[in-house]
């Protein structure tokens, strides 16, 4: 049975859990059938698949219903990217996650509307309340948006990310996620100084999966990368058909 404790135990520094993020039933099945021990959703990919823009534009009922459809199809732990919780109070966030079948979540520390960072003490208090409401049933991955929001001087961003990570770990979260941190030296310092499980995105220009393991990372995700690649492929094939090309070399019409 998929449980939060099962997911929590997969976060091993130096032997990270790999999470190719999904967005619907088909992508979830593909990842599960490939043998990955846990499934993660991507908020940007799910929003796009539901017809909405990223940034909490998706009605929460639709997002949690989509999470529920993924959970129904897999028998491994599911963690859901729910942006900053869709303006819901912590107890409602946890209730919706549990009802959907998720045992974990990502929560961002910037305002989806303004793109500005939330005050660190305010965010830590919010995360503490989510952890308390979850009572061990939800693995909380605290996303740190210092790098993607380009907050403050570039030279101070790593210090700010480390400070926020420590505050969030003190609040009881299970993992910290400095999204946008890509250089090996910065990742190594972040991992060493936060003294807790760290999540890094696997993407072009970042260290390889093997290098991330050597740096002590405990969780590696692909974010919206798979969905972006799929969309690029689909755009290209549709353009070929629109231009009059024969689709027989890539279409499978036996279903």
Protein backbone atom coordinates (compact mmCIF):
# COMPACT_ATOMS: atom_id res chain seq x y z
CA UNK A 1 0.00 0.00 0.00
CA UNK A 2 1.33 3.45 -0.95
CA UNK A 3 2.09 5.42 2.19
CA UNK A 4 3.84 8.61 3.16
CA UNK A 5 6.42 6.61 5.08
CA UNK A 6 7.24 4.60 1.96
CA UNK A 7 7.82 7.82 0.02
CA UNK A 8 9.74 9.42 2.88
CA UNK A 9 12.12 6.46 3.08
CA UNK A 10 13.02 6.85 -0.61
CA UNK A 11 14.69 10.21 0.10
CA UNK A 12 18.26 8.98 0.59
CA UNK A 13 21.13 11.47 0.17
CA UNK A 14 23.50 10.02 -2.39
CA UNK A 15 20.94 7.51 -3.66
CA UNK A 16 18.14 9.83 -4.77
CA UNK A 17 14.61 8.87 -5.67
CA UNK A 18 14.00 9.74 -9.33
CA UNK A 19 10.66 11.32 -10.19
CA UNK A 20 9.74 11.75 -13.88
CA UNK A 21 6.79 14.15 -13.39
CA UNK A 22 3.47 13.17 -14.98
CA UNK A 23 0.31 15.02 -15.97
CA UNK A 24 -2.41 12.47 -16.76
CA UNK A 25 -3.33 8.79 -16.67
CA UNK A 26 -1.28 7.80 -19.71
CA UNK A 27 1.93 9.45 -18.54
CA UNK A 28 1.42 8.03 -15.04
CA UNK A 29 1.01 4.51 -16.41
CA UNK A 30 4.17 4.87 -18.51
CA UNK A 31 6.24 5.96 -15.50
CA UNK A 32 4.79 3.31 -13.20
CA UNK A 33 5.26 0.53 -15.76
CA UNK A 34 8.90 1.59 -16.17
CA UNK A 35 9.39 0.58 -12.55
CA UNK A 36 9.83 3.92 -10.78
CA UNK A 37 9.09 3.53 -7.05
CA UNK A 38 7.07 6.74 -6.77
CA UNK A 39 5.10 9.11 -9.00
CA UNK A 40 5.09 12.91 -8.99
CA UNK A 41 2.84 15.29 -10.87
CA UNK A 42 3.88 18.57 -12.48
CA UNK A 43 1.60 21.53 -11.86
CA UNK A 44 2.52 23.30 -15.10
CA UNK A 45 2.02 20.13 -17.14
CA UNK A 46 -1.27 19.26 -15.44
CA UNK A 47 -2.54 22.81 -15.85
CA UNK A 48 -1.72 22.71 -19.55
CA UNK A 49 -3.40 19.33 -19.99
CA UNK A 50 -6.52 20.71 -18.29
CA UNK A 51 -6.55 23.83 -20.46
CA UNK A 52 -5.26 26.39 -17.96
CA UNK A 53 -2.16 28.50 -17.49
CA UNK A 54 0.29 27.75 -14.69
CA UNK A 55 0.21 29.97 -11.61
CA UNK A 56 -2.88 28.65 -9.79
CA UNK A 57 -5.16 29.42 -12.73
CA UNK A 58 -6.55 25.87 -12.54
CA UNK A 59 -9.66 25.59 -10.32
CA UNK A 60 -8.58 23.49 -7.32
CA UNK A 61 -11.48 21.06 -7.80
CA UNK A 62 -10.14 20.24 -11.27
CA UNK A 63 -6.52 19.95 -10.14
CA UNK A 64 -7.27 17.64 -7.23
CA UNK A 65 -9.61 15.58 -9.42
CA UNK A 66 -6.75 15.17 -11.91
CA UNK A 67 -4.44 14.10 -9.07
CA UNK A 68 -7.09 11.59 -8.03
CA UNK A 69 -7.24 10.10 -11.53
CA UNK A 70 -3.48 9.54 -11.46
CA UNK A 71 -3.62 8.01 -7.98
CA UNK A 72 -6.33 5.58 -9.08
CA UNK A 73 -4.06 4.15 -11.78
CA UNK A 74 -0.86 3.55 -9.82
CA UNK A 75 0.02 1.54 -6.74
CA UNK A 76 3.16 3.42 -5.75
CA UNK A 77 3.32 6.59 -3.62
CA UNK A 78 2.06 9.72 -5.39
CA UNK A 79 3.23 13.23 -4.59
CA UNK A 80 1.35 16.16 -6.11
CA UNK A 81 2.67 19.53 -7.22
CA UNK A 82 -0.03 21.89 -5.94
CA UNK A 83 1.74 25.23 -6.39
CA UNK A 84 1.07 27.17 -3.15
CA UNK A 85 -2.11 25.32 -2.25
CA UNK A 86 -4.64 27.29 -4.33
CA UNK A 87 -5.22 29.77 -1.52
CA UNK A 88 -6.65 27.02 0.70
CA UNK A 89 -5.98 26.70 4.45
CA UNK A 90 -3.56 23.96 5.54
CA UNK A 91 -6.18 21.57 6.88
CA UNK A 92 -8.14 21.77 3.62
CA UNK A 93 -4.98 21.20 1.57
CA UNK A 94 -4.25 18.03 3.51
CA UNK A 95 -7.86 16.86 3.35
CA UNK A 96 -7.93 17.27 -0.44
CA UNK A 97 -4.58 15.52 -0.89
CA UNK A 98 -5.61 12.54 1.21
CA UNK A 99 -9.00 12.34 -0.53
CA UNK A 100 -7.26 12.35 -3.91
CA UNK A 101 -4.93 9.54 -2.88
CA UNK A 102 -1.70 11.54 -2.69
CA UNK A 103 0.83 11.00 0.11
CA UNK A 104 3.02 14.00 -0.66
CA UNK A 105 3.02 17.50 -2.11
CA UNK A 106 5.18 20.35 -3.38
CA UNK A 107 4.48 23.80 -1.96
CA UNK A 108 6.07 26.96 -3.40
CA UNK A 109 7.33 29.97 -1.46
CA UNK A 110 6.42 32.64 -4.01
CA UNK A 111 3.02 34.15 -4.73
CA UNK A 112 1.68 32.63 -7.99
CA UNK A 113 -0.10 35.90 -8.80
CA UNK A 114 2.68 38.43 -8.15
CA UNK A 115 5.68 36.07 -8.58
CA UNK A 116 7.20 37.64 -5.46
CA UNK A 117 8.75 35.62 -2.66
CA UNK A 118 6.66 35.12 0.46
CA UNK A 119 8.25 36.37 3.67
CA UNK A 120 10.27 33.46 5.04
CA UNK A 121 8.63 33.50 8.48
CA UNK A 122 5.16 33.60 6.91
CA UNK A 123 6.02 30.68 4.65
CA UNK A 124 7.60 28.68 7.47
CA UNK A 125 4.47 29.14 9.58
CA UNK A 126 2.30 28.03 6.65
CA UNK A 127 4.43 24.93 6.10
CA UNK A 128 4.42 24.14 9.80
CA UNK A 129 0.62 24.18 9.77
CA UNK A 130 0.48 21.90 6.72
CA UNK A 131 2.88 19.45 8.39
CA UNK A 132 0.79 19.51 11.57
CA UNK A 133 -2.45 18.98 9.66
CA UNK A 134 -0.88 16.08 7.78
CA UNK A 135 0.20 14.37 11.00
CA UNK A 136 2.76 12.26 9.16
CA UNK A 137 0.45 11.28 6.29
CA UNK A 138 1.85 13.84 3.83
CA UNK A 139 5.48 14.20 2.71
CA UNK A 140 6.04 17.93 2.26
CA UNK A 141 8.58 19.10 -0.32
CA UNK A 142 9.19 22.83 0.22
CA UNK A 143 10.05 24.59 -3.02
CA UNK A 144 12.40 27.56 -2.75
CA UNK A 145 11.91 30.08 -5.56
CA UNK A 146 14.88 32.38 -4.99
CA UNK A 147 16.60 31.38 -8.23
CA UNK A 148 13.65 31.26 -10.63
CA UNK A 149 12.33 34.59 -9.32
CA UNK A 150 15.83 36.12 -9.56
CA UNK A 151 15.38 37.69 -6.15
CA UNK A 152 18.07 40.07 -4.88
CA UNK A 153 21.67 40.16 -6.02
CA UNK A 154 22.80 37.02 -7.79
CA UNK A 155 25.69 36.66 -5.36
CA UNK A 156 23.31 36.46 -2.38
CA UNK A 157 20.75 34.00 -3.76
CA UNK A 158 22.43 30.83 -2.58
CA UNK A 159 22.73 32.23 0.96
CA UNK A 160 19.04 33.17 0.86
CA UNK A 161 18.07 29.73 -0.41
CA UNK A 162 20.06 28.02 2.35
CA UNK A 163 18.50 30.28 4.99
CA UNK A 164 15.01 29.51 3.72
CA UNK A 165 15.73 25.78 3.51
CA UNK A 166 16.85 25.70 7.14
CA UNK A 167 13.72 27.57 8.23
CA UNK A 168 11.47 25.17 6.33
CA UNK A 169 13.23 22.10 7.68
CA UNK A 170 12.85 23.54 11.17
CA UNK A 171 9.14 23.84 10.38
CA UNK A 172 9.05 20.08 9.84
CA UNK A 173 9.09 19.63 6.06
CA UNK A 174 10.62 16.46 4.66
CA UNK A 175 12.60 17.85 1.74
CA UNK A 176 13.69 21.22 0.35
CA UNK A 177 13.70 22.10 -3.33
CA UNK A 178 15.82 25.03 -4.57
CA UNK A 179 14.33 25.03 -8.04
CA UNK A 180 16.63 26.66 -10.59
CA UNK A 181 19.84 25.85 -8.71
CA UNK A 182 21.94 24.18 -11.41
CA UNK A 183 25.68 24.52 -10.78
CA UNK A 184 27.49 21.67 -9.05
CA UNK A 185 29.38 23.87 -6.60
CA UNK A 186 26.18 25.60 -5.47
CA UNK A 187 24.31 22.30 -5.13
CA UNK A 188 27.15 20.80 -3.11
CA UNK A 189 27.18 23.74 -0.73
CA UNK A 190 23.38 23.76 -0.44
CA UNK A 191 23.27 20.05 0.42
CA UNK A 192 26.08 20.38 2.96
CA UNK A 193 24.69 23.43 4.74
CA UNK A 194 20.97 22.68 4.95
CA UNK A 195 21.51 19.28 6.61
CA UNK A 196 18.34 17.76 5.18
CA UNK A 197 17.06 15.99 2.03
CA UNK A 198 17.41 18.15 -1.08
CA UNK A 199 15.49 17.95 -4.37
CA UNK A 200 17.20 19.10 -7.59
CA UNK A 201 15.72 19.26 -11.10
CA UNK A 202 17.40 17.16 -13.79
CA UNK A 203 17.59 19.41 -16.82
CA UNK A 204 19.96 20.45 -19.62
CA UNK A 205 22.91 22.36 -18.21
CA UNK A 206 22.59 20.84 -14.73
CA UNK A 207 24.79 18.04 -13.36
CA UNK A 208 23.97 14.53 -14.57
CA UNK A 209 21.99 12.09 -12.49
CA UNK A 210 25.20 10.35 -11.44
CA UNK A 211 26.79 13.67 -10.47
CA UNK A 212 23.74 14.70 -8.46
CA UNK A 213 23.97 11.47 -6.51
CA UNK A 214 27.64 12.12 -5.75
CA UNK A 215 26.70 15.62 -4.54
CA UNK A 216 24.40 14.08 -1.94
CA UNK A 217 21.04 14.96 -3.50
CA UNK A 218 18.13 12.89 -2.10
CA UNK A 219 15.47 13.54 -4.74
CA UNK A 220 15.67 14.29 -8.47
CA UNK A 221 12.68 15.44 -10.48
CA UNK A 222 12.12 16.37 -14.11
CA UNK A 223 9.53 19.08 -13.45
CA UNK A 224 7.62 19.92 -16.61
CA UNK A 225 10.45 18.64 -18.82
CA UNK A 226 8.75 15.49 -20.12
CA UNK A 227 5.56 17.37 -20.93
CA UNK A 228 7.48 20.10 -22.75
CA UNK A 229 9.32 17.46 -24.79
CA UNK A 230 6.06 15.68 -25.59
CA UNK A 231 4.43 18.93 -26.68
CA UNK A 232 7.39 19.79 -28.89
CA UNK A 233 7.19 16.38 -30.59
CA UNK A 234 3.42 16.69 -31.01
CA UNK A 235 3.69 20.21 -32.41
CA UNK A 236 6.20 18.99 -34.97
CA UNK A 237 4.13 16.02 -36.11
CA UNK A 238 0.93 18.04 -36.40
CA UNK A 239 2.82 20.65 -38.43
CA UNK A 240 3.98 17.89 -40.76
CA UNK A 241 0.42 16.67 -41.29
CA UNK A 242 -0.79 20.24 -41.80
CA UNK A 243 1.89 20.67 -44.46
CA UNK A 244 0.64 17.61 -46.30
CA UNK A 245 3.22 15.01 -45.22
CA UNK A 246 2.33 11.33 -45.06
CA UNK A 247 1.87 10.46 -41.36
CA UNK A 248 2.28 6.70 -41.85
CA UNK A 249 5.85 6.69 -40.50
CA UNK A 250 4.82 7.86 -37.03
CA UNK A 251 1.09 7.20 -36.59
CA UNK A 252 -0.21 3.95 -35.12
CA UNK A 253 -3.85 3.55 -36.05
CA UNK A 254 -4.59 0.11 -34.63
CA UNK A 255 -6.30 1.44 -31.52
